[in-house]
Amino acid sequence: MTLDALMSDFIGLKQMFPALSRRRFMTGSAAAAAGYTLAAGPVRADVIHTDTQGLTAGDATIKIGDAEMPAYFAKPASGGPAPVILVAMEVFGLHEHIKDVVRRIGKLGAFAVAPDYYFRKSDLTKVTDMQQLFPLVNSKPDTELFSDLDATVAWAKSQGGDTDRLGIIGFCRGGRTVWLYATHNAALKAGVAFYGSLMDPASAAMPKNAYQLATEVKAPVLGLYGAEDTGITPEQVERMKAALQAAGKTAEFKIYPGAPHGFYADYRPSYRKDAADDAWKEMQAWFKPMASLAEPQRRGRLYKSVPRRNRRRRPAIERRAGPVKEGSLDFALIESGPAKRA
């Protein structure tokens, strides 16, 4: 059996779903014209579309040595420096769904940017056969991936983003990227991994998986997974959770009953609205505690406002009580300082 066939996200992506009416999907030509990948199968007709009102958004190029990496970004059109959130793609490249996610995060008040770090291989959005897609993404070296993401952070900073408040979110293979980048960049404040693979077999390009690197995670990570994922099983998630706990790392997981791999991908048959909506709220709640009530910076640290009489020693990262409101996604360090580092 080939490496491609053993990759857990590949297994999940091959999961079959009951046939649905053609009226619920775009034609192939309409989907391609709208910028969606065709490798994932039929594209839903009722995809979510996020406009650019209130945003500065568009394509960009990021210089990496002699090469130029394509990217897509969105940030508030006004206001001060916004926290930077990297958006790590699925295996299907920088297509319209990922761009829409970037705009959704921009609407929350962040400088979101999705780099097309597979650009050296091919324009993955043009690949229509998943069997041709996986050898390309599986040959991407992790070391090169880290370099590309570091370059994206530097670019965002040069464009006015606040990289002292840095986060990352990823989906499918991009969820694996979240876990691994959290072992690489000590400046990362938080990450959210949507059904990111945990226990894939080793290869020359990807020598270690997320589970093997659990002791090296340097930032708090939230993992969001589907109970019906045929590739990344709840058992794997529980093993990852135990490894992180044993290493004293800050992480939380949520497994959604009835949800398959790709449950957030609103353009695919795998989309599950209830799980997707809840996961998006969980993502916001995960980022906000490192943040939203931050006072002006004092002595090199950001503080969360707490009445003096109620102050007590708290964990380095904690969930803020109360409803999550859109429009102020932010990061900060609360009183007890940054999360424990490896």
C-alpha atoms as a PDB file:
ATOM      1  CA  MET A   1       0.000   0.000   0.000  1.00  0.00           C
ATOM      2  CA  THR A   2       1.380   3.414  -0.930  1.00  0.00           C
ATOM      3  CA  LEU A   3       2.049   6.279   1.476  1.00  0.00           C
ATOM      4  CA  ASP A   4      -0.736   8.275  -0.177  1.00  0.00           C
ATOM      5  CA  ALA A   5      -3.262   5.560   0.644  1.00  0.00           C
ATOM      6  CA  LEU A   6      -2.112   5.432   4.276  1.00  0.00           C
ATOM      7  CA  MET A   7      -2.405   9.158   5.011  1.00  0.00           C
ATOM      8  CA  SER A   8      -5.302   9.638   7.419  1.00  0.00           C
ATOM      9  CA  ASP A   9      -6.700  12.747   5.743  1.00  0.00           C
ATOM     10  CA  PHE A  10      -6.729  10.878   2.421  1.00  0.00           C
ATOM     11  CA  ILE A  11      -8.755   8.099   4.050  1.00  0.00           C
ATOM     12  CA  GLY A  12     -11.226  10.615   5.471  1.00  0.00           C
ATOM     13  CA  LEU A  13     -11.559  12.455   2.181  1.00  0.00           C
ATOM     14  CA  LYS A  14     -12.454   9.235   0.364  1.00  0.00           C
ATOM     15  CA  GLN A  15     -15.412   8.639   2.679  1.00  0.00           C
ATOM     16  CA  MET A  16     -18.581   8.275   0.626  1.00  0.00           C
ATOM     17  CA  PHE A  17     -21.824  10.105   1.358  1.00  0.00           C
ATOM     18  CA  PRO A  18     -25.410   9.366   0.271  1.00  0.00           C
ATOM     19  CA  ALA A  19     -26.276  10.665  -3.175  1.00  0.00           C
ATOM     20  CA  LEU A  20     -27.940  14.071  -3.137  1.00  0.00           C
ATOM     21  CA  SER A  21     -30.055  15.864  -5.705  1.00  0.00           C
ATOM     22  CA  ARG A  22     -28.087  17.524  -8.504  1.00  0.00           C
ATOM     23  CA  ARG A  23     -30.037  20.681  -7.795  1.00  0.00           C
ATOM     24  CA  ARG A  24     -28.107  21.007  -4.549  1.00  0.00           C
ATOM     25  CA  PHE A  25     -24.762  21.292  -6.364  1.00  0.00           C
ATOM     26  CA  MET A  26     -23.172  23.608  -8.891  1.00  0.00           C
ATOM     27  CA  THR A  27     -22.269  22.360 -12.328  1.00  0.00           C
ATOM     28  CA  GLY A  28     -18.574  21.663 -12.741  1.00  0.00           C
ATOM     29  CA  SER A  29     -18.118  24.682 -15.001  1.00  0.00           C
ATOM     30  CA  ALA A  30     -19.916  26.979 -12.535  1.00  0.00           C
ATOM     31  CA  ALA A  31     -17.842  25.698  -9.616  1.00  0.00           C
ATOM     32  CA  ALA A  32     -14.599  26.179 -11.543  1.00  0.00           C
ATOM     33  CA  ALA A  33     -15.653  29.675 -12.608  1.00  0.00           C
ATOM     34  CA  ALA A  34     -16.386  30.521  -8.964  1.00  0.00           C
ATOM     35  CA  GLY A  35     -12.875  29.432  -8.009  1.00  0.00           C
ATOM     36  CA  TYR A  36     -13.619  26.166  -6.205  1.00  0.00           C
ATOM     37  CA  THR A  37     -11.560  23.016  -6.429  1.00  0.00           C
ATOM     38  CA  LEU A  38     -13.058  20.148  -8.409  1.00  0.00           C
ATOM     39  CA  ALA A  39     -10.821  17.463  -6.892  1.00  0.00           C
ATOM     40  CA  ALA A  40     -13.017  17.211  -3.793  1.00  0.00           C
ATOM     41  CA  GLY A  41     -16.090  16.268  -5.788  1.00  0.00           C
ATOM     42  CA  PRO A  42     -19.323  18.198  -6.432  1.00  0.00           C
ATOM     43  CA  VAL A  43     -19.567  21.717  -4.996  1.00  0.00           C
ATOM     44  CA  ARG A  44     -22.658  22.626  -3.016  1.00  0.00           C
ATOM     45  CA  ALA A  45     -24.884  25.294  -4.533  1.00  0.00           C
ATOM     46  CA  ASP A  46     -25.537  26.942  -1.146  1.00  0.00           C
ATOM     47  CA  VAL A  47     -21.924  27.665  -0.238  1.00  0.00           C
ATOM     48  CA  ILE A  48     -21.266  30.453   2.241  1.00  0.00           C
ATOM     49  CA  HIS A  49     -20.061  33.679   0.661  1.00  0.00           C
ATOM     50  CA  THR A  50     -18.398  36.387   2.748  1.00  0.00           C
ATOM     51  CA  ASP A  51     -18.115  39.831   1.186  1.00  0.00           C
ATOM     52  CA  THR A  52     -15.244  42.294   1.577  1.00  0.00           C
ATOM     53  CA  GLN A  53     -17.239  45.139   3.098  1.00  0.00           C
ATOM     54  CA  GLY A  54     -15.135  46.725   5.825  1.00  0.00           C
ATOM     55  CA  LEU A  55     -12.070  44.800   4.704  1.00  0.00           C
ATOM     56  CA  THR A  56      -8.928  45.319   2.712  1.00  0.00           C
ATOM     57  CA  ALA A  57      -8.589  41.983   0.937  1.00  0.00           C
ATOM     58  CA  GLY A  58      -7.036  40.441  -2.133  1.00  0.00           C
ATOM     59  CA  ASP A  59      -4.198  38.470  -3.674  1.00  0.00           C
ATOM     60  CA  ALA A  60      -0.592  39.049  -2.677  1.00  0.00           C
ATOM     61  CA  THR A  61       2.855  37.653  -3.385  1.00  0.00           C
ATOM     62  CA  ILE A  62       5.376  36.830  -0.685  1.00  0.00           C
ATOM     63  CA  LYS A  63       9.064  36.868  -1.556  1.00  0.00           C
ATOM     64  CA  ILE A  64      10.946  33.720  -0.555  1.00  0.00           C
ATOM     65  CA  GLY A  65      14.496  33.771  -1.854  1.00  0.00           C
ATOM     66  CA  ASP A  66      14.233  33.978  -5.627  1.00  0.00           C
ATOM     67  CA  ALA A  67      10.639  32.754  -5.645  1.00  0.00           C
ATOM     68  CA  GLU A  68       7.316  34.487  -5.094  1.00  0.00           C
ATOM     69  CA  MET A  69       4.652  32.616  -3.162  1.00  0.00           C
ATOM     70  CA  PRO A  70       1.013  33.498  -3.903  1.00  0.00           C
ATOM     71  CA  ALA A  71      -1.210  34.324  -0.943  1.00  0.00           C
ATOM     72  CA  TYR A  72      -4.625  35.721  -0.129  1.00  0.00           C
ATOM     73  CA  PHE A  73      -5.253  38.099   2.762  1.00  0.00           C
ATOM     74  CA  ALA A  74      -8.014  40.045   4.467  1.00  0.00           C
ATOM     75  CA  LYS A  75      -7.780  42.590   7.261  1.00  0.00           C
ATOM     76  CA  PRO A  76      -9.933  45.387   8.718  1.00  0.00           C
ATOM     77  CA  ALA A  77      -9.948  48.424   6.448  1.00  0.00           C
ATOM     78  CA  SER A  78      -9.471  50.722   9.429  1.00  0.00           C
ATOM     79  CA  GLY A  79      -8.165  50.647  12.976  1.00  0.00           C
ATOM     80  CA  GLY A  80      -4.822  49.869  14.528  1.00  0.00           C
ATOM     81  CA  PRO A  81      -2.515  46.914  13.880  1.00  0.00           C
ATOM     82  CA  ALA A  82      -4.549  43.712  13.882  1.00  0.00           C
ATOM     83  CA  PRO A  83      -3.467  40.331  15.262  1.00  0.00           C
ATOM     84  CA  VAL A  84      -2.170  38.011  12.556  1.00  0.00           C
ATOM     85  CA  ILE A  85      -3.777  34.639  11.891  1.00  0.00           C
ATOM     86  CA  LEU A  86      -2.250  32.240   9.382  1.00  0.00           C
ATOM     87  CA  VAL A  87      -4.768  30.105   7.503  1.00  0.00           C
ATOM     88  CA  ALA A  88      -3.375  26.702   6.562  1.00  0.00           C
ATOM     89  CA  MET A  89      -5.064  25.127   3.531  1.00  0.00           C
ATOM     90  CA  GLU A  90      -6.627  21.777   2.884  1.00  0.00           C
ATOM     91  CA  VAL A  91      -4.903  19.619   0.285  1.00  0.00           C
ATOM     92  CA  PHE A  92      -6.890  21.329  -2.479  1.00  0.00           C
ATOM     93  CA  GLY A  93      -4.857  24.502  -2.641  1.00  0.00           C
ATOM     94  CA  LEU A  94      -5.766  28.155  -2.305  1.00  0.00           C
ATOM     95  CA  HIS A  95      -9.275  27.926  -3.725  1.00  0.00           C
ATOM     96  CA  GLU A  96     -12.388  29.985  -3.027  1.00  0.00           C
ATOM     97  CA  HIS A  97     -13.422  28.221   0.184  1.00  0.00           C
ATOM     98  CA  ILE A  98     -10.100  29.022   1.855  1.00  0.00           C
ATOM     99  CA  LYS A  99     -10.274  32.593   0.608  1.00  0.00           C
ATOM    100  CA  ASP A 100     -13.748  32.893   2.095  1.00  0.00           C
ATOM    101  CA  VAL A 101     -12.449  31.593   5.431  1.00  0.00           C
ATOM    102  CA  VAL A 102      -9.752  34.277   5.287  1.00  0.00           C
ATOM    103  CA  ARG A 103     -12.468  36.923   4.834  1.00  0.00           C
ATOM    104  CA  ARG A 104     -14.488  35.451   7.703  1.00  0.00           C
ATOM    105  CA  ILE A 105     -11.501  35.820  10.011  1.00  0.00           C
ATOM    106  CA  GLY A 106     -10.849  39.328   8.694  1.00  0.00           C
ATOM    107  CA  LYS A 107     -14.428  40.197   9.674  1.00  0.00           C
ATOM    108  CA  LEU A 108     -13.517  39.194  13.228  1.00  0.00           C
ATOM    109  CA  GLY A 109     -10.892  41.916  13.320  1.00  0.00           C
ATOM    110  CA  ALA A 110      -7.755  39.955  12.456  1.00  0.00           C
ATOM    111  CA  PHE A 111      -5.184  40.197   9.671  1.00  0.00           C
ATOM    112  CA  ALA A 112      -5.743  36.777   8.095  1.00  0.00           C
ATOM    113  CA  VAL A 113      -3.473  35.410   5.397  1.00  0.00           C
ATOM    114  CA  ALA A 114      -3.426  32.077   3.566  1.00  0.00           C
ATOM    115  CA  PRO A 115      -0.138  31.331   1.796  1.00  0.00           C
ATOM    116  CA  ASP A 116      -0.125  28.945  -1.155  1.00  0.00           C
ATOM    117  CA  TYR A 117       2.863  26.993   0.107  1.00  0.00           C
ATOM    118  CA  TYR A 118       2.362  24.250  -2.497  1.00  0.00           C
ATOM    119  CA  PHE A 119       3.107  26.720  -5.298  1.00  0.00           C
ATOM    120  CA  ARG A 120       6.408  25.029  -6.173  1.00  0.00           C
ATOM    121  CA  LYS A 121       4.545  21.800  -6.946  1.00  0.00           C
ATOM    122  CA  SER A 122       1.602  23.029  -8.977  1.00  0.00           C
ATOM    123  CA  ASP A 123      -1.517  25.162  -8.830  1.00  0.00           C
ATOM    124  CA  LEU A 124      -3.472  22.591  -6.849  1.00  0.00           C
ATOM    125  CA  THR A 125      -6.770  24.332  -7.553  1.00  0.00           C
ATOM    126  CA  LYS A 126      -6.441  23.164 -11.171  1.00  0.00           C
ATOM    127  CA  VAL A 127      -5.930  19.499 -10.281  1.00  0.00           C
ATOM    128  CA  THR A 128      -9.231  17.658 -10.715  1.00  0.00           C
ATOM    129  CA  ASP A 129      -8.188  14.133  -9.699  1.00  0.00           C
ATOM    130  CA  MET A 130      -7.498  13.495  -6.022  1.00  0.00           C
ATOM    131  CA  GLN A 131      -5.224  10.601  -6.936  1.00  0.00           C
ATOM    132  CA  GLN A 132      -2.921  13.091  -8.673  1.00  0.00           C
ATOM    133  CA  LEU A 133      -3.177  15.554  -5.814  1.00  0.00           C
ATOM    134  CA  PHE A 134      -1.815  13.544  -2.929  1.00  0.00           C
ATOM    135  CA  PRO A 135       1.644  12.713  -4.321  1.00  0.00           C
ATOM    136  CA  LEU A 136       2.142  16.473  -4.726  1.00  0.00           C
ATOM    137  CA  VAL A 137       1.158  17.481  -1.196  1.00  0.00           C
ATOM    138  CA  ASN A 138       2.837  14.472   0.406  1.00  0.00           C
ATOM    139  CA  SER A 139       6.191  15.482  -1.094  1.00  0.00           C
ATOM    140  CA  LYS A 140       6.154  18.907   0.611  1.00  0.00           C
ATOM    141  CA  PRO A 141       8.994  18.879   3.181  1.00  0.00           C
ATOM    142  CA  ASP A 142       8.018  20.034   6.655  1.00  0.00           C
ATOM    143  CA  THR A 143      11.187  22.111   6.867  1.00  0.00           C
ATOM    144  CA  GLU A 144      10.198  23.993   3.719  1.00  0.00           C
ATOM    145  CA  LEU A 145       6.658  24.391   5.043  1.00  0.00           C
ATOM    146  CA  PHE A 146       7.964  26.044   8.202  1.00  0.00           C
ATOM    147  CA  SER A 147      10.143  28.391   6.156  1.00  0.00           C
ATOM    148  CA  ASP A 148       7.161  29.380   4.007  1.00  0.00           C
ATOM    149  CA  LEU A 149       5.009  30.081   7.066  1.00  0.00           C
ATOM    150  CA  ASP A 150       7.798  32.086   8.711  1.00  0.00           C
ATOM    151  CA  ALA A 151       8.064  34.165   5.533  1.00  0.00           C
ATOM    152  CA  THR A 152       4.309  34.736   5.646  1.00  0.00           C
ATOM    153  CA  VAL A 153       4.552  36.008   9.224  1.00  0.00           C
ATOM    154  CA  ALA A 154       7.347  38.393   8.204  1.00  0.00           C
ATOM    155  CA  TRP A 155       5.280  39.614   5.257  1.00  0.00           C
ATOM    156  CA  ALA A 156       2.230  40.240   7.444  1.00  0.00           C
ATOM    157  CA  LYS A 157       4.393  42.248   9.819  1.00  0.00           C
ATOM    158  CA  SER A 158       5.717  44.336   6.906  1.00  0.00           C
ATOM    159  CA  GLN A 159       2.101  45.073   5.967  1.00  0.00           C
ATOM    160  CA  GLY A 160       1.236  46.399   9.421  1.00  0.00           C
ATOM    161  CA  GLY A 161       0.063  43.217  11.130  1.00  0.00           C
ATOM    162  CA  ASP A 162       0.768  42.719  14.826  1.00  0.00           C
ATOM    163  CA  THR A 163       2.823  39.526  14.851  1.00  0.00           C
ATOM    164  CA  ASP A 164       3.258  39.742  18.603  1.00  0.00           C
ATOM    165  CA  ARG A 165      -0.307  38.412  18.552  1.00  0.00           C
ATOM    166  CA  LEU A 166       0.122  35.481  16.192  1.00  0.00           C
ATOM    167  CA  GLY A 167      -2.257  32.582  15.664  1.00  0.00           C
ATOM    168  CA  ILE A 168      -2.816  29.826  13.147  1.00  0.00           C
ATOM    169  CA  ILE A 169      -5.888  27.918  12.000  1.00  0.00           C
ATOM    170  CA  GLY A 170      -5.925  25.004   9.587  1.00  0.00           C
ATOM    171  CA  PHE A 171      -8.187  22.436   7.974  1.00  0.00           C
ATOM    172  CA  CYS A 172      -7.503  18.831   6.939  1.00  0.00           C
ATOM    173  CA  ARG A 173      -3.775  18.739   6.013  1.00  0.00           C
ATOM    174  CA  GLY A 174      -3.697  22.332   7.235  1.00  0.00           C
ATOM    175  CA  GLY A 175      -4.822  21.034  10.624  1.00  0.00           C
ATOM    176  CA  ARG A 176      -1.689  18.897  10.719  1.00  0.00           C
ATOM    177  CA  THR A 177       0.226  22.059   9.824  1.00  0.00           C
ATOM    178  CA  VAL A 178      -1.215  23.756  12.916  1.00  0.00           C
ATOM    179  CA  TRP A 179       0.089  21.030  15.202  1.00  0.00           C
ATOM    180  CA  LEU A 180       3.533  21.014  13.621  1.00  0.00           C
ATOM    181  CA  TYR A 181       3.919  24.783  13.405  1.00  0.00           C
ATOM    182  CA  ALA A 182       3.101  24.923  17.111  1.00  0.00           C
ATOM    183  CA  THR A 183       6.276  22.905  17.678  1.00  0.00           C
ATOM    184  CA  HIS A 184       8.337  25.215  15.467  1.00  0.00           C
ATOM    185  CA  ASN A 185       7.442  28.822  16.283  1.00  0.00           C
ATOM    186  CA  ALA A 186       7.802  29.804  19.937  1.00  0.00           C
ATOM    187  CA  ALA A 187       6.190  33.179  19.167  1.00  0.00           C
ATOM    188  CA  LEU A 188       2.864  31.545  18.314  1.00  0.00           C
ATOM    189  CA  LYS A 189       0.147  32.446  20.807  1.00  0.00           C
ATOM    190  CA  ALA A 190      -2.499  29.871  19.835  1.00  0.00           C
ATOM    191  CA  GLY A 191      -3.635  27.454  17.160  1.00  0.00           C
ATOM    192  CA  VAL A 192      -6.868  25.766  16.100  1.00  0.00           C
ATOM    193  CA  ALA A 193      -6.703  22.498  14.154  1.00  0.00           C
ATOM    194  CA  PHE A 194      -9.812  21.378  12.282  1.00  0.00           C
ATOM    195  CA  TYR A 195      -9.538  17.581  11.786  1.00  0.00           C
ATOM    196  CA  GLY A 196      -5.769  17.715  11.375  1.00  0.00           C
ATOM    197  CA  SER A 197      -4.030  14.347  11.019  1.00  0.00           C
ATOM    198  CA  LEU A 198      -2.193  13.084  14.092  1.00  0.00           C
ATOM    199  CA  MET A 199      -0.567   9.704  13.400  1.00  0.00           C
ATOM    200  CA  ASP A 200       0.433   9.542   9.751  1.00  0.00           C
ATOM    201  CA  PRO A 201       3.316   7.260   8.703  1.00  0.00           C
ATOM    202  CA  ALA A 202       6.771   8.780   8.386  1.00  0.00           C
ATOM    203  CA  SER A 203       8.316   9.812   5.087  1.00  0.00           C
ATOM    204  CA  ALA A 204      11.418  11.683   3.971  1.00  0.00           C
ATOM    205  CA  ALA A 205       9.375  14.867   3.592  1.00  0.00           C
ATOM    206  CA  MET A 206       7.385  14.402   6.809  1.00  0.00           C
ATOM    207  CA  PRO A 207       9.648  12.499   9.204  1.00  0.00           C
ATOM    208  CA  LYS A 208       7.476  12.879  12.322  1.00  0.00           C
ATOM    209  CA  ASN A 209       3.756  13.177  12.918  1.00  0.00           C
ATOM    210  CA  ALA A 210       1.889  15.374  15.381  1.00  0.00           C
ATOM    211  CA  TYR A 211       1.585  12.629  17.993  1.00  0.00           C
ATOM    212  CA  GLN A 212       5.323  11.984  17.973  1.00  0.00           C
ATOM    213  CA  LEU A 213       5.943  15.714  18.433  1.00  0.00           C
ATOM    214  CA  ALA A 214       3.426  16.236  21.249  1.00  0.00           C
ATOM    215  CA  THR A 215       6.159  16.952  23.787  1.00  0.00           C
ATOM    216  CA  GLU A 216       7.464  19.804  21.604  1.00  0.00           C
ATOM    217  CA  VAL A 217       4.223  21.780  21.251  1.00  0.00           C
ATOM    218  CA  LYS A 218       4.943  25.351  22.339  1.00  0.00           C
ATOM    219  CA  ALA A 219       1.523  27.026  22.061  1.00  0.00           C
ATOM    220  CA  PRO A 220      -2.029  26.224  23.193  1.00  0.00           C
ATOM    221  CA  VAL A 221      -3.903  24.282  20.502  1.00  0.00           C
ATOM    222  CA  LEU A 222      -7.603  23.503  20.149  1.00  0.00           C
ATOM    223  CA  GLY A 223      -8.413  20.348  18.176  1.00  0.00           C
ATOM    224  CA  LEU A 224     -11.826  20.020  16.502  1.00  0.00           C
ATOM    225  CA  TYR A 225     -12.653  16.565  15.147  1.00  0.00           C
ATOM    226  CA  GLY A 226     -15.525  14.487  13.768  1.00  0.00           C
ATOM    227  CA  ALA A 227     -16.623  11.300  15.481  1.00  0.00           C
ATOM    228  CA  GLU A 228     -17.321   9.719  12.071  1.00  0.00           C
ATOM    229  CA  ASP A 229     -13.950  10.584  10.539  1.00  0.00           C
ATOM    230  CA  THR A 230     -12.762   7.305   9.039  1.00  0.00           C
ATOM    231  CA  GLY A 231      -9.121   8.401   8.895  1.00  0.00           C
ATOM    232  CA  ILE A 232      -8.561  10.387  12.087  1.00  0.00           C
ATOM    233  CA  THR A 233     -10.493   8.352  14.611  1.00  0.00           C
ATOM    234  CA  PRO A 234     -11.675   9.403  18.089  1.00  0.00           C
ATOM    235  CA  GLU A 235      -9.213   6.850  19.475  1.00  0.00           C
ATOM    236  CA  GLN A 236      -6.338   8.736  17.849  1.00  0.00           C
ATOM    237  CA  VAL A 237      -7.665  12.008  19.240  1.00  0.00           C
ATOM    238  CA  GLU A 238      -7.803  10.549  22.761  1.00  0.00           C
ATOM    239  CA  ARG A 239      -4.240   9.277  22.459  1.00  0.00           C
ATOM    240  CA  MET A 240      -3.063  12.714  21.335  1.00  0.00           C
ATOM    241  CA  LYS A 241      -4.923  14.308  24.226  1.00  0.00           C
ATOM    242  CA  ALA A 242      -3.267  11.949  26.704  1.00  0.00           C
ATOM    243  CA  ALA A 243       0.204  12.602  25.258  1.00  0.00           C
ATOM    244  CA  LEU A 244      -0.246  16.365  25.549  1.00  0.00           C
ATOM    245  CA  GLN A 245      -1.566  16.091  29.095  1.00  0.00           C
ATOM    246  CA  ALA A 246       1.359  13.903  30.107  1.00  0.00           C
ATOM    247  CA  ALA A 247       3.729  16.520  28.670  1.00  0.00           C
ATOM    248  CA  GLY A 248       2.005  19.340  30.552  1.00  0.00           C
ATOM    249  CA  LYS A 249       0.815  21.073  27.390  1.00  0.00           C
ATOM    250  CA  THR A 250      -2.195  23.375  27.041  1.00  0.00           C
ATOM    251  CA  ALA A 251      -4.701  21.841  24.641  1.00  0.00           C
ATOM    252  CA  GLU A 252      -8.370  21.068  24.352  1.00  0.00           C
ATOM    253  CA  PHE A 253     -10.334  18.823  22.028  1.00  0.00           C
ATOM    254  CA  LYS A 254     -13.920  18.585  20.895  1.00  0.00           C
ATOM    255  CA  ILE A 255     -15.280  15.613  18.967  1.00  0.00           C
ATOM    256  CA  TYR A 256     -18.570  16.168  17.150  1.00  0.00           C
ATOM    257  CA  PRO A 257     -21.004  13.228  17.062  1.00  0.00           C
ATOM    258  CA  GLY A 258     -22.146  12.341  13.566  1.00  0.00           C
ATOM    259  CA  ALA A 259     -19.578  14.603  11.907  1.00  0.00           C
ATOM    260  CA  PRO A 260     -17.211  13.216   9.242  1.00  0.00           C
ATOM    261  CA  HIS A 261     -13.878  14.504   8.040  1.00  0.00           C
ATOM    262  CA  GLY A 262     -14.330  17.917   6.431  1.00  0.00           C
ATOM    263  CA  PHE A 263     -17.432  18.844   8.419  1.00  0.00           C
ATOM    264  CA  TYR A 264     -16.567  22.564   8.237  1.00  0.00           C
ATOM    265  CA  ALA A 265     -16.120  22.586   4.442  1.00  0.00           C
ATOM    266  CA  ASP A 266     -19.439  24.185   3.425  1.00  0.00           C
ATOM    267  CA  TYR A 267     -18.756  23.558  -0.269  1.00  0.00           C
ATOM    268  CA  ARG A 268     -18.603  19.760   0.085  1.00  0.00           C
ATOM    269  CA  PRO A 269     -21.116  16.980   0.829  1.00  0.00           C
ATOM    270  CA  SER A 270     -19.258  16.378   4.123  1.00  0.00           C
ATOM    271  CA  TYR A 271     -20.502  19.732   5.516  1.00  0.00           C
ATOM    272  CA  ARG A 272     -22.415  19.522   8.781  1.00  0.00           C
ATOM    273  CA  LYS A 273     -23.860  22.909   9.654  1.00  0.00           C
ATOM    274  CA  ASP A 274     -24.463  22.393  13.380  1.00  0.00           C
ATOM    275  CA  ALA A 275     -20.952  21.078  13.985  1.00  0.00           C
ATOM    276  CA  ALA A 276     -19.416  23.755  11.744  1.00  0.00           C
ATOM    277  CA  ASP A 277     -21.246  26.598  13.479  1.00  0.00           C
ATOM    278  CA  ASP A 278     -20.283  25.353  16.928  1.00  0.00           C
ATOM    279  CA  ALA A 279     -16.663  24.783  15.896  1.00  0.00           C
ATOM    280  CA  TRP A 280     -16.425  28.356  14.597  1.00  0.00           C
ATOM    281  CA  LYS A 281     -17.642  29.643  17.970  1.00  0.00           C
ATOM    282  CA  GLU A 282     -15.149  27.394  19.751  1.00  0.00           C
ATOM    283  CA  MET A 283     -12.376  28.818  17.564  1.00  0.00           C
ATOM    284  CA  GLN A 284     -13.309  32.383  18.500  1.00  0.00           C
ATOM    285  CA  ALA A 285     -13.524  31.490  22.173  1.00  0.00           C
ATOM    286  CA  TRP A 286     -10.098  29.840  22.043  1.00  0.00           C
ATOM    287  CA  PHE A 287      -8.400  32.924  20.618  1.00  0.00           C
ATOM    288  CA  LYS A 288     -10.263  35.540  22.654  1.00  0.00           C
ATOM    289  CA  PRO A 289      -9.031  34.748  26.185  1.00  0.00           C
ATOM    290  CA  MET A 290      -5.566  35.709  25.112  1.00  0.00           C
ATOM    291  CA  ALA A 291      -7.107  38.905  24.626  1.00  0.00           C
ATOM    292  CA  SER A 292     -10.261  40.691  24.296  1.00  0.00           C
ATOM    293  CA  LEU A 293     -10.258  42.815  27.455  1.00  0.00           C
ATOM    294  CA  ALA A 294      -6.619  43.772  27.108  1.00  0.00           C
ATOM    295  CA  GLU A 295      -5.546  47.091  28.602  1.00  0.00           C
ATOM    296  CA  PRO A 296      -2.719  49.167  27.074  1.00  0.00           C
ATOM    297  CA  GLN A 297       0.630  47.442  27.169  1.00  0.00           C
ATOM    298  CA  ARG A 298       2.567  47.927  30.396  1.00  0.00           C
ATOM    299  CA  ARG A 299       6.124  46.836  31.094  1.00  0.00           C
ATOM    300  CA  GLY A 300       6.201  44.682  28.009  1.00  0.00           C
ATOM    301  CA  ARG A 301       3.069  42.668  28.835  1.00  0.00           C
ATOM    302  CA  LEU A 302      -0.618  42.851  28.097  1.00  0.00           C
ATOM    303  CA  TYR A 303      -3.014  42.423  30.986  1.00  0.00           C
ATOM    304  CA  LYS A 304      -6.590  41.287  31.201  1.00  0.00           C
ATOM    305  CA  SER A 305      -8.797  43.618  33.210  1.00  0.00           C
ATOM    306  CA  VAL A 306      -9.838  41.991  36.500  1.00  0.00           C
ATOM    307  CA  PRO A 307     -11.159  43.860  39.570  1.00  0.00           C
ATOM    308  CA  ARG A 308      -8.428  43.827  42.193  1.00  0.00           C
ATOM    309  CA  ARG A 309     -10.611  42.168  44.805  1.00  0.00           C
ATOM    310  CA  ASN A 310     -11.285  39.283  42.403  1.00  0.00           C
ATOM    311  CA  ARG A 311      -7.718  38.718  41.314  1.00  0.00           C
ATOM    312  CA  ARG A 312      -6.253  35.281  41.890  1.00  0.00           C
ATOM    313  CA  ARG A 313      -3.611  33.067  40.407  1.00  0.00           C
ATOM    314  CA  ARG A 314      -4.960  31.621  37.160  1.00  0.00           C
ATOM    315  CA  PRO A 315      -3.809  29.145  34.544  1.00  0.00           C
ATOM    316  CA  ALA A 316      -1.748  30.722  31.805  1.00  0.00           C
ATOM    317  CA  ILE A 317      -4.584  30.235  29.328  1.00  0.00           C
ATOM    318  CA  GLU A 318      -8.235  30.175  30.310  1.00  0.00           C
ATOM    319  CA  ARG A 319     -11.547  30.405  28.513  1.00  0.00           C
ATOM    320  CA  ARG A 320     -13.371  33.728  28.932  1.00  0.00           C
ATOM    321  CA  ALA A 321     -16.917  33.346  30.219  1.00  0.00           C
ATOM    322  CA  GLY A 322     -19.853  34.879  28.402  1.00  0.00           C
ATOM    323  CA  PRO A 323     -20.944  35.048  24.770  1.00  0.00           C
ATOM    324  CA  VAL A 324     -18.424  35.469  21.999  1.00  0.00           C
ATOM    325  CA  LYS A 325     -19.000  38.596  19.946  1.00  0.00           C
ATOM    326  CA  GLU A 326     -17.742  39.112  16.416  1.00  0.00           C
ATOM    327  CA  GLY A 327     -15.561  42.024  15.484  1.00  0.00           C
ATOM    328  CA  SER A 328     -12.832  41.888  18.126  1.00  0.00           C
ATOM    329  CA  LEU A 329     -10.707  38.790  17.721  1.00  0.00           C
ATOM    330  CA  ASP A 330      -7.531  39.578  19.607  1.00  0.00           C
ATOM    331  CA  PHE A 331      -4.626  38.154  21.572  1.00  0.00           C
ATOM    332  CA  ALA A 332      -2.943  39.080  24.841  1.00  0.00           C
ATOM    333  CA  LEU A 333      -1.220  37.492  27.786  1.00  0.00           C
ATOM    334  CA  ILE A 334      -3.257  37.348  30.970  1.00  0.00           C
ATOM    335  CA  GLU A 335      -1.814  38.076  34.382  1.00  0.00           C
ATOM    336  CA  SER A 336      -0.008  34.826  35.017  1.00  0.00           C
ATOM    337  CA  GLY A 337       2.024  35.233  31.832  1.00  0.00           C
ATOM    338  CA  PRO A 338       2.433  33.139  28.704  1.00  0.00           C
ATOM    339  CA  ALA A 339       1.554  29.469  28.450  1.00  0.00           C
ATOM    340  CA  LYS A 340       4.151  26.994  29.588  1.00  0.00           C
ATOM    341  CA  ARG A 341       6.735  26.458  26.891  1.00  0.00           C
ATOM    342  CA  ALA A 342       8.489  23.240  26.029  1.00  0.00           C
END
